[in-house]
Amino acid sequence: MELTIGSWYNEPDYSFDFSYRIEKFIRQVMKQCIMKPLGLLESYPDKFLHLQVTTTSTQETLEVKMGPFKAKANSINCGLWFPYQTIVDSENPLEAYVECYIKSIPLVFQRWGVTDQQSEEAAKMIRAEIIGNPYYELTQEEKDELEEERRSTENILKESGLE
């Protein structure tokens, strides 16, 4: 089974602006500490597990919504619904965001028998690498790109009369 991680935000101005490097590292840790020990990499070579981070203005709690595991399907989709205000209003939004990922690990992999020890090992590695490490913060170029996207979205909404 291959693991992919993405994000999808369907509400203007409600998104998490963190570096893609966070997901890249978390994916690596999940494969190493969870999927490999559970045998998922070898047991399902033609399947994809896709984690989709999302939120809305009204999302107040962490929720994991997992699609069915069907023998004939090529992929399993799993929505990771992160609490928007809790994260952006926290003293350290990056840490709050990472903690949501960590809390979602046992929920995502419970159907395959993930242990507390495996989840804790992954959590420890993720925290140690990401929290306080400037490599995982947005670069100025990435911040500028996000600001340009926001301006573009505002213009589209104004032109369509939706703002």
Protein backbone atom coordinates (compact mmCIF):
# COMPACT_ATOMS: atom_id res chain seq x y z
CA MET A 1 0.00 0.00 0.00
CA GLU A 2 1.30 3.41 -0.89
CA LEU A 3 0.54 6.44 1.28
CA THR A 4 -0.30 9.83 -0.18
CA ILE A 5 -1.16 13.04 1.67
CA GLY A 6 -2.91 16.07 0.30
CA SER A 7 -5.11 18.94 1.36
CA TRP A 8 -8.38 20.35 0.16
CA TYR A 9 -10.10 23.51 1.35
CA ASN A 10 -13.48 24.39 -0.06
CA GLU A 11 -14.12 27.58 1.88
CA PRO A 12 -12.32 30.82 0.93
CA ASP A 13 -9.84 32.06 3.55
CA TYR A 14 -10.00 28.82 5.55
CA SER A 15 -6.85 26.81 5.06
CA PHE A 16 -3.69 25.88 6.90
CA ASP A 17 -0.63 27.64 5.60
CA PHE A 18 2.15 25.27 6.55
CA SER A 19 4.98 23.94 4.45
CA TYR A 20 4.49 20.81 2.35
CA ARG A 21 7.70 19.59 4.03
CA ILE A 22 5.64 18.75 7.13
CA GLU A 23 3.45 16.28 5.23
CA LYS A 24 6.46 14.88 3.44
CA PHE A 25 8.17 14.05 6.75
CA ILE A 26 4.98 12.77 8.40
CA ARG A 27 4.38 10.48 5.42
CA GLN A 28 7.90 9.08 5.76
CA VAL A 29 7.40 8.45 9.49
CA MET A 30 4.00 6.81 9.01
CA LYS A 31 5.44 4.46 6.42
CA GLN A 32 8.44 3.58 8.59
CA CYS A 33 6.81 3.36 12.04
CA ILE A 34 3.27 2.26 11.20
CA MET A 35 2.79 0.81 7.75
CA LYS A 36 5.98 -1.25 7.55
CA PRO A 37 5.54 -2.93 10.98
CA LEU A 38 1.87 -3.63 10.20
CA GLY A 39 2.85 -5.21 6.88
CA LEU A 40 0.74 -2.78 4.88
CA LEU A 41 3.45 -1.92 2.37
CA GLU A 42 3.75 -5.52 1.19
CA SER A 43 0.22 -6.83 1.86
CA TYR A 44 -1.53 -4.41 -0.48
CA PRO A 45 0.99 -3.54 -3.23
CA ASP A 46 -1.63 -2.19 -5.64
CA LYS A 47 -3.56 -0.02 -3.18
CA PHE A 48 -3.24 3.61 -2.13
CA LEU A 49 -4.17 5.10 1.22
CA HIS A 50 -4.85 8.80 0.64
CA LEU A 51 -5.01 11.16 3.61
CA GLN A 52 -6.76 14.43 2.84
CA VAL A 53 -6.32 17.29 5.35
CA THR A 54 -9.25 19.67 5.32
CA THR A 55 -11.15 22.12 7.49
CA THR A 56 -14.04 24.55 7.49
CA SER A 57 -14.94 27.65 9.45
CA THR A 58 -17.15 25.53 11.70
CA GLN A 59 -14.84 22.55 12.27
CA GLU A 60 -14.34 22.45 16.05
CA THR A 61 -12.85 19.02 16.69
CA LEU A 62 -10.47 16.60 15.06
CA GLU A 63 -12.35 14.04 13.00
CA VAL A 64 -11.09 11.18 10.88
CA LYS A 65 -13.52 10.02 8.22
CA MET A 66 -12.37 6.84 6.52
CA GLY A 67 -13.83 5.43 3.35
CA PRO A 68 -14.53 1.72 3.02
CA PHE A 69 -11.78 -0.79 2.40
CA LYS A 70 -12.99 -2.61 -0.71
CA ALA A 71 -11.07 -5.48 -2.26
CA LYS A 72 -11.61 -4.25 -5.82
CA ALA A 73 -10.89 -0.56 -5.17
CA ASN A 74 -7.41 0.85 -5.81
CA SER A 75 -7.55 3.47 -3.10
CA ILE A 76 -8.86 4.20 0.35
CA ASN A 77 -9.67 7.83 1.06
CA CYS A 78 -9.41 9.23 4.55
CA GLY A 79 -10.44 12.76 5.49
CA LEU A 80 -8.51 14.35 8.33
CA TRP A 81 -10.76 17.18 9.50
CA PHE A 82 -8.66 19.52 11.63
CA PRO A 83 -10.24 22.14 13.96
CA TYR A 84 -9.50 25.42 12.26
CA GLN A 85 -9.92 28.00 15.06
CA THR A 86 -8.21 25.80 17.64
CA ILE A 87 -5.13 25.59 15.44
CA VAL A 88 -4.88 29.17 14.16
CA ASP A 89 -5.67 30.70 17.58
CA SER A 90 -3.20 28.56 19.49
CA GLU A 91 0.02 29.98 20.88
CA ASN A 92 1.94 27.82 18.41
CA PRO A 93 -0.23 27.01 15.35
CA LEU A 94 2.42 24.75 13.80
CA GLU A 95 2.58 22.63 16.94
CA ALA A 96 -1.22 22.44 17.15
CA TYR A 97 -1.35 21.36 13.50
CA VAL A 98 1.27 18.67 14.05
CA GLU A 99 -0.56 17.44 17.16
CA CYS A 100 -3.71 16.94 15.06
CA TYR A 101 -1.70 14.74 12.71
CA ILE A 102 -0.31 12.79 15.66
CA LYS A 103 -3.77 12.28 17.18
CA SER A 104 -5.10 11.07 13.83
CA ILE A 105 -2.51 8.27 13.44
CA PRO A 106 -4.24 5.68 15.67
CA LEU A 107 -7.62 6.60 14.18
CA VAL A 108 -6.42 6.09 10.61
CA PHE A 109 -4.64 2.81 11.27
CA GLN A 110 -6.93 1.25 13.90
CA ARG A 111 -8.52 -1.13 11.38
CA TRP A 112 -5.09 -2.66 10.80
CA GLY A 113 -4.28 -3.08 14.50
CA VAL A 114 -1.83 -0.23 15.12
CA THR A 115 -0.44 -0.40 18.66
CA ASP A 116 -0.05 2.42 21.14
CA GLN A 117 3.70 1.81 21.03
CA GLN A 118 3.83 2.25 17.24
CA SER A 119 1.74 5.43 17.44
CA GLU A 120 3.91 6.85 20.23
CA GLU A 121 7.13 6.05 18.36
CA ALA A 122 5.80 7.92 15.31
CA ALA A 123 4.61 10.84 17.46
CA LYS A 124 7.99 11.13 19.17
CA MET A 125 9.84 11.21 15.84
CA ILE A 126 7.44 13.76 14.34
CA ARG A 127 7.62 16.13 17.32
CA ALA A 128 11.41 15.87 17.58
CA GLU A 129 11.94 16.69 13.92
CA ILE A 130 9.30 19.34 13.21
CA ILE A 131 8.59 21.35 16.36
CA GLY A 132 10.97 24.28 16.58
CA ASN A 133 12.73 23.42 13.32
CA PRO A 134 12.71 26.42 10.94
CA TYR A 135 13.08 24.06 7.95
CA TYR A 136 9.36 23.27 8.32
CA GLU A 137 8.24 26.90 8.32
CA LEU A 138 7.16 28.63 5.13
CA THR A 139 9.86 30.41 3.18
CA GLN A 140 9.31 34.04 2.20
CA GLU A 141 8.69 32.93 -1.38
CA GLU A 142 5.99 30.48 -0.21
CA LYS A 143 4.38 33.21 1.94
CA ASP A 144 4.38 35.55 -1.06
CA GLU A 145 2.73 32.88 -3.24
CA LEU A 146 0.02 32.31 -0.63
CA GLU A 147 -0.64 36.03 -0.38
CA GLU A 148 -0.94 36.25 -4.16
CA GLU A 149 -3.43 33.35 -4.12
CA ARG A 150 -5.48 35.13 -1.44
CA ARG A 151 -5.58 38.34 -3.49
CA SER A 152 -6.61 36.38 -6.56
CA THR A 153 -9.39 34.62 -4.63
CA GLU A 154 -10.62 37.97 -3.26
CA ASN A 155 -10.74 39.40 -6.79
CA ILE A 156 -12.68 36.40 -8.10
CA LEU A 157 -15.20 36.67 -5.26
CA LYS A 158 -15.61 40.42 -5.79
CA GLU A 159 -16.07 40.04 -9.55
CA SER A 160 -18.67 37.33 -9.05
CA GLY A 161 -20.52 39.34 -6.40
CA LEU A 162 -19.94 36.72 -3.72
CA GLU A 163 -18.03 39.00 -1.36
